[in-house]
Amino acid sequence: MARDLPNPLPALAEIRRWTFAPAPMQATVRQAMDIMRTNTAEAVCIDERSPNTSKQILHDLLTRENIEKFSLASML
């Protein structure tokens, strides 16, 4: 007996690529927003190079939405 499998296309429709730009660890929230604006990016990645291994260490990814939520929460 044949079974109907769920259609994977709706889930795939929600997947999309984000563009991001690097930001220094010491960047302020305003600087992160400016970096996103000038690079037409949707997020900034906060990373640094390890002094011991010289590998990139990703600390965080900030989106406009994260920053806006943070800013609004700090006003309350």
Protein backbone atom coordinates (compact mmCIF):
# COMPACT_ATOMS: atom_id res chain seq x y z
CA MET A 1 0.00 0.00 0.00
CA ALA A 2 1.45 3.39 -1.01
CA ARG A 3 1.84 6.08 1.61
CA ASP A 4 1.82 9.81 0.97
CA LEU A 5 5.06 11.34 2.15
CA PRO A 6 5.13 14.93 3.40
CA ASN A 7 6.13 17.47 0.79
CA PRO A 8 9.67 18.77 1.60
CA LEU A 9 9.27 21.87 -0.58
CA PRO A 10 7.53 24.10 1.99
CA ALA A 11 10.40 23.55 4.42
CA LEU A 12 12.96 24.24 1.70
CA ALA A 13 11.18 27.47 0.77
CA GLU A 14 12.02 28.85 4.22
CA ILE A 15 15.75 28.25 3.81
CA ARG A 16 17.64 31.22 2.43
CA ARG A 17 21.18 32.52 2.35
CA TRP A 18 22.20 35.45 4.50
CA THR A 19 24.91 37.90 3.60
CA PHE A 20 27.19 38.92 6.43
CA ALA A 21 30.17 41.15 6.95
CA PRO A 22 33.00 40.85 9.48
CA ALA A 23 33.05 43.19 12.47
CA PRO A 24 35.82 43.64 15.04
CA MET A 25 35.35 42.27 18.53
CA GLN A 26 35.38 45.79 19.99
CA ALA A 27 32.63 47.11 17.67
CA THR A 28 29.72 48.91 19.25
CA VAL A 29 26.12 48.17 18.34
CA ARG A 30 26.03 51.36 16.25
CA GLN A 31 29.21 50.32 14.42
CA ALA A 32 27.73 46.87 13.74
CA MET A 33 24.64 48.50 12.21
CA ASP A 34 26.84 50.83 10.14
CA ILE A 35 28.88 47.87 8.88
CA MET A 36 25.68 46.08 7.83
CA ARG A 37 24.40 49.21 6.10
CA THR A 38 27.60 49.99 4.17
CA ASN A 39 28.10 46.36 3.11
CA THR A 40 24.38 45.75 2.42
CA ALA A 41 24.66 42.75 4.73
CA GLU A 42 21.93 41.20 6.84
CA ALA A 43 24.25 40.30 9.70
CA VAL A 44 27.75 40.82 11.07
CA CYS A 45 30.00 38.07 12.35
CA ILE A 46 32.17 38.75 15.36
CA ASP A 47 35.30 36.68 15.08
CA GLU A 48 38.99 36.77 15.86
CA ARG A 49 42.10 34.84 14.99
CA SER A 50 43.46 32.61 17.76
CA PRO A 51 46.97 33.67 18.78
CA ASN A 52 47.93 30.04 19.48
CA THR A 53 46.57 28.22 16.43
CA SER A 54 45.93 31.11 14.00
CA LYS A 55 42.46 29.65 13.35
CA GLN A 56 39.39 31.85 13.10
CA ILE A 57 37.16 31.71 16.19
CA LEU A 58 33.54 32.69 15.62
CA HIS A 59 32.12 34.41 18.69
CA ASP A 60 28.73 35.56 17.48
CA LEU A 61 26.52 36.45 14.57
CA LEU A 62 24.41 39.57 15.02
CA THR A 63 21.43 40.33 12.84
CA ARG A 64 19.52 43.58 12.53
CA GLU A 65 16.62 41.89 14.30
CA ASN A 66 18.85 40.93 17.27
CA ILE A 67 20.15 44.47 17.57
CA GLU A 68 16.68 46.01 17.30
CA LYS A 69 15.33 43.65 19.99
CA PHE A 70 18.29 44.51 22.24
CA SER A 71 17.79 48.24 21.69
CA LEU A 72 14.06 48.10 22.37
CA ALA A 73 14.52 45.95 25.48
CA SER A 74 17.05 48.39 26.92
CA MET A 75 14.52 51.25 26.56
CA LEU A 76 11.95 49.50 28.76
